[in-house]
Amino acid sequence: MPDRWNVTVDPRVCVRTGLCAASAPNDFELDERGQGRAVAATVPASEEILEVAESCPIEAISIADSDTGAPVFPPPD
């Protein structure tokens, strides 16, 4: 597992369930419209962040290795 990840929440896809911020409040927050976003563009890799991305009902969360840009989630086809 890489040491650091780039985490993004696609605002065009996010449907504002708040699940990400409720599940990992240190890593995700809701903006003024209630849309999820990562609190930082680059975060330490963790199982918690991966679990949140996997549990997003519409896969609005993307994770990539911060060094190589290789996708971590969703996995490449």
N, C-alpha and C. Protein backbone atom coordinates (compact mmCIF):
# COMPACT_ATOMS: atom_id res chain seq x y z
N MET A 1 0.85 -1.17 0.00
CA MET A 1 0.00 0.00 0.00
C MET A 1 0.90 1.24 0.00
N PRO A 2 0.59 2.22 -0.85
CA PRO A 2 1.38 3.45 -0.86
C PRO A 2 1.28 4.17 0.49
N ASP A 3 2.22 5.07 0.74
CA ASP A 3 2.23 5.81 2.01
C ASP A 3 1.22 6.95 2.04
N ARG A 4 1.02 7.59 0.88
CA ARG A 4 0.12 8.73 0.82
C ARG A 4 -0.79 8.63 -0.40
N TRP A 5 -2.00 9.13 -0.23
CA TRP A 5 -3.00 9.08 -1.29
C TRP A 5 -3.51 10.47 -1.62
N ASN A 6 -3.89 10.65 -2.86
CA ASN A 6 -4.67 11.81 -3.28
C ASN A 6 -6.12 11.37 -3.27
N VAL A 7 -6.96 12.07 -2.53
CA VAL A 7 -8.37 11.71 -2.39
C VAL A 7 -9.23 12.84 -2.94
N THR A 8 -10.16 12.48 -3.80
CA THR A 8 -11.08 13.48 -4.34
C THR A 8 -12.51 12.95 -4.28
N VAL A 9 -13.44 13.87 -4.12
CA VAL A 9 -14.86 13.56 -4.19
C VAL A 9 -15.39 14.33 -5.40
N ASP A 10 -15.94 13.63 -6.35
CA ASP A 10 -16.44 14.25 -7.57
C ASP A 10 -17.76 14.97 -7.25
N PRO A 11 -17.77 16.32 -7.31
CA PRO A 11 -18.98 17.05 -6.95
C PRO A 11 -20.12 16.84 -7.94
N ARG A 12 -19.82 16.39 -9.15
CA ARG A 12 -20.87 16.13 -10.13
C ARG A 12 -21.58 14.81 -9.86
N VAL A 13 -20.95 13.95 -9.06
CA VAL A 13 -21.49 12.63 -8.78
C VAL A 13 -22.06 12.53 -7.36
N CYS A 14 -21.45 13.23 -6.43
CA CYS A 14 -21.85 13.17 -5.02
C CYS A 14 -23.31 13.57 -4.86
N VAL A 15 -24.08 12.75 -4.13
CA VAL A 15 -25.50 13.02 -3.90
C VAL A 15 -25.78 13.47 -2.46
N ARG A 16 -24.74 13.82 -1.74
CA ARG A 16 -24.85 14.44 -0.41
C ARG A 16 -25.47 13.54 0.65
N THR A 17 -25.05 12.29 0.69
CA THR A 17 -25.54 11.42 1.76
C THR A 17 -24.86 11.75 3.09
N GLY A 18 -23.65 12.31 3.04
CA GLY A 18 -22.91 12.63 4.26
C GLY A 18 -22.22 11.44 4.87
N LEU A 19 -22.31 10.29 4.23
CA LEU A 19 -21.72 9.07 4.76
C LEU A 19 -20.21 9.20 4.96
N CYS A 20 -19.53 9.84 4.04
CA CYS A 20 -18.07 9.97 4.14
C CYS A 20 -17.68 10.77 5.38
N ALA A 21 -18.32 11.92 5.58
CA ALA A 21 -17.99 12.77 6.73
C ALA A 21 -18.40 12.12 8.05
N ALA A 22 -19.49 11.39 8.05
CA ALA A 22 -19.92 10.71 9.27
C ALA A 22 -19.01 9.53 9.61
N SER A 23 -18.50 8.85 8.59
CA SER A 23 -17.67 7.66 8.81
C SER A 23 -16.21 8.00 9.11
N ALA A 24 -15.71 9.08 8.53
CA ALA A 24 -14.31 9.46 8.72
C ALA A 24 -14.20 10.98 8.84
N PRO A 25 -14.68 11.54 9.97
CA PRO A 25 -14.72 13.00 10.11
C PRO A 25 -13.36 13.68 10.11
N ASN A 26 -12.30 12.93 10.37
CA ASN A 26 -10.96 13.53 10.31
C ASN A 26 -10.45 13.67 8.88
N ASP A 27 -11.08 12.95 7.95
CA ASP A 27 -10.61 12.92 6.57
C ASP A 27 -11.58 13.54 5.57
N PHE A 28 -12.87 13.61 5.93
CA PHE A 28 -13.89 14.16 5.04
C PHE A 28 -14.74 15.17 5.80
N GLU A 29 -15.26 16.15 5.05
CA GLU A 29 -16.17 17.13 5.62
C GLU A 29 -17.23 17.45 4.59
N LEU A 30 -18.26 18.14 5.02
CA LEU A 30 -19.32 18.57 4.12
C LEU A 30 -19.16 20.06 3.87
N ASP A 31 -19.34 20.47 2.62
CA ASP A 31 -19.26 21.89 2.30
C ASP A 31 -20.58 22.57 2.63
N GLU A 32 -20.71 23.84 2.30
CA GLU A 32 -21.92 24.61 2.63
C GLU A 32 -23.18 24.07 1.97
N ARG A 33 -23.03 23.27 0.92
CA ARG A 33 -24.19 22.67 0.25
C ARG A 33 -24.45 21.24 0.74
N GLY A 34 -23.64 20.79 1.69
CA GLY A 34 -23.81 19.43 2.20
C GLY A 34 -23.10 18.38 1.37
N GLN A 35 -22.25 18.83 0.47
CA GLN A 35 -21.53 17.91 -0.40
C GLN A 35 -20.21 17.49 0.25
N GLY A 36 -19.88 16.21 0.14
CA GLY A 36 -18.66 15.70 0.73
C GLY A 36 -17.42 16.18 0.01
N ARG A 37 -16.34 16.31 0.78
CA ARG A 37 -15.03 16.62 0.21
C ARG A 37 -13.96 16.17 1.19
N ALA A 38 -12.80 15.86 0.65
CA ALA A 38 -11.66 15.48 1.49
C ALA A 38 -11.14 16.74 2.19
N VAL A 39 -10.70 16.60 3.43
CA VAL A 39 -10.20 17.77 4.16
C VAL A 39 -8.83 18.21 3.64
N ALA A 40 -8.13 17.29 2.96
CA ALA A 40 -6.84 17.61 2.37
C ALA A 40 -6.71 16.84 1.06
N ALA A 41 -6.00 17.41 0.11
CA ALA A 41 -5.82 16.74 -1.18
C ALA A 41 -4.97 15.49 -1.05
N THR A 42 -4.02 15.50 -0.15
CA THR A 42 -3.14 14.35 0.07
C THR A 42 -3.24 13.94 1.54
N VAL A 43 -3.47 12.65 1.75
CA VAL A 43 -3.65 12.13 3.11
C VAL A 43 -2.83 10.87 3.29
N PRO A 44 -2.51 10.52 4.53
CA PRO A 44 -1.84 9.23 4.77
C PRO A 44 -2.78 8.10 4.35
N ALA A 45 -2.24 7.10 3.70
CA ALA A 45 -3.03 5.93 3.30
C ALA A 45 -3.57 5.24 4.54
N SER A 46 -4.85 4.84 4.46
CA SER A 46 -5.43 4.14 5.60
C SER A 46 -6.58 3.26 5.14
N GLU A 47 -6.80 2.21 5.90
CA GLU A 47 -7.92 1.31 5.63
C GLU A 47 -9.24 2.05 5.80
N GLU A 48 -9.30 2.99 6.74
CA GLU A 48 -10.53 3.73 6.99
C GLU A 48 -10.97 4.52 5.75
N ILE A 49 -10.03 5.21 5.11
CA ILE A 49 -10.36 5.98 3.91
C ILE A 49 -10.79 5.05 2.78
N LEU A 50 -10.09 3.94 2.63
CA LEU A 50 -10.46 2.98 1.59
C LEU A 50 -11.87 2.43 1.85
N GLU A 51 -12.19 2.11 3.09
CA GLU A 51 -13.52 1.61 3.43
C GLU A 51 -14.61 2.64 3.14
N VAL A 52 -14.32 3.91 3.42
CA VAL A 52 -15.29 4.97 3.14
C VAL A 52 -15.52 5.07 1.63
N ALA A 53 -14.45 5.05 0.86
CA ALA A 53 -14.58 5.12 -0.60
C ALA A 53 -15.39 3.93 -1.12
N GLU A 54 -15.11 2.75 -0.61
CA GLU A 54 -15.81 1.55 -1.05
C GLU A 54 -17.29 1.58 -0.65
N SER A 55 -17.62 2.26 0.44
CA SER A 55 -19.00 2.27 0.90
C SER A 55 -19.82 3.44 0.34
N CYS A 56 -19.18 4.34 -0.40
CA CYS A 56 -19.93 5.43 -1.02
C CYS A 56 -20.94 4.81 -1.98
N PRO A 57 -22.22 5.12 -1.81
CA PRO A 57 -23.24 4.44 -2.61
C PRO A 57 -23.16 4.70 -4.11
N ILE A 58 -22.46 5.75 -4.53
CA ILE A 58 -22.37 6.03 -5.96
C ILE A 58 -20.93 6.16 -6.44
N GLU A 59 -19.99 5.72 -5.62
CA GLU A 59 -18.56 5.75 -5.97
C GLU A 59 -18.10 7.13 -6.42
N ALA A 60 -18.44 8.14 -5.63
CA ALA A 60 -18.02 9.52 -5.93
C ALA A 60 -16.59 9.79 -5.45
N ILE A 61 -16.03 8.89 -4.64
CA ILE A 61 -14.70 9.09 -4.06
C ILE A 61 -13.66 8.33 -4.87
N SER A 62 -12.61 9.04 -5.25
CA SER A 62 -11.49 8.43 -5.97
C SER A 62 -10.23 8.56 -5.13
N ILE A 63 -9.42 7.52 -5.19
CA ILE A 63 -8.15 7.51 -4.46
C ILE A 63 -7.05 7.12 -5.44
N ALA A 64 -5.94 7.87 -5.38
CA ALA A 64 -4.79 7.56 -6.22
C ALA A 64 -3.52 7.65 -5.39
N ASP A 65 -2.53 6.85 -5.75
CA ASP A 65 -1.21 6.92 -5.12
C ASP A 65 -0.65 8.32 -5.38
N SER A 66 -0.26 9.03 -4.34
CA SER A 66 0.20 10.41 -4.52
C SER A 66 1.55 10.50 -5.24
N ASP A 67 2.34 9.44 -5.20
CA ASP A 67 3.64 9.46 -5.88
C ASP A 67 3.52 9.14 -7.36
N THR A 68 2.71 8.15 -7.69
CA THR A 68 2.66 7.67 -9.07
C THR A 68 1.38 8.07 -9.82
N GLY A 69 0.34 8.42 -9.08
CA GLY A 69 -0.94 8.71 -9.71
C GLY A 69 -1.74 7.46 -10.05
N ALA A 70 -1.19 6.29 -9.73
CA ALA A 70 -1.88 5.03 -10.03
C ALA A 70 -3.16 4.94 -9.20
N PRO A 71 -4.26 4.53 -9.83
CA PRO A 71 -5.52 4.43 -9.09
C PRO A 71 -5.47 3.35 -8.01
N VAL A 72 -6.03 3.70 -6.86
CA VAL A 72 -6.19 2.76 -5.76
C VAL A 72 -7.66 2.34 -5.69
N PHE A 73 -8.56 3.34 -5.82
CA PHE A 73 -10.00 3.09 -5.86
C PHE A 73 -10.65 4.18 -6.69
N PRO A 74 -11.60 3.86 -7.55
CA PRO A 74 -11.94 2.48 -7.89
C PRO A 74 -10.79 1.81 -8.64
N PRO A 75 -10.70 0.50 -8.51
CA PRO A 75 -9.61 -0.21 -9.16
C PRO A 75 -9.72 -0.09 -10.68
N PRO A 76 -8.58 -0.10 -11.35
CA PRO A 76 -8.63 -0.05 -12.83
C PRO A 76 -9.34 -1.27 -13.38
N ASP A 77 -9.98 -1.10 -14.50
CA ASP A 77 -10.71 -2.21 -15.13
C ASP A 77 -9.78 -3.30 -15.61
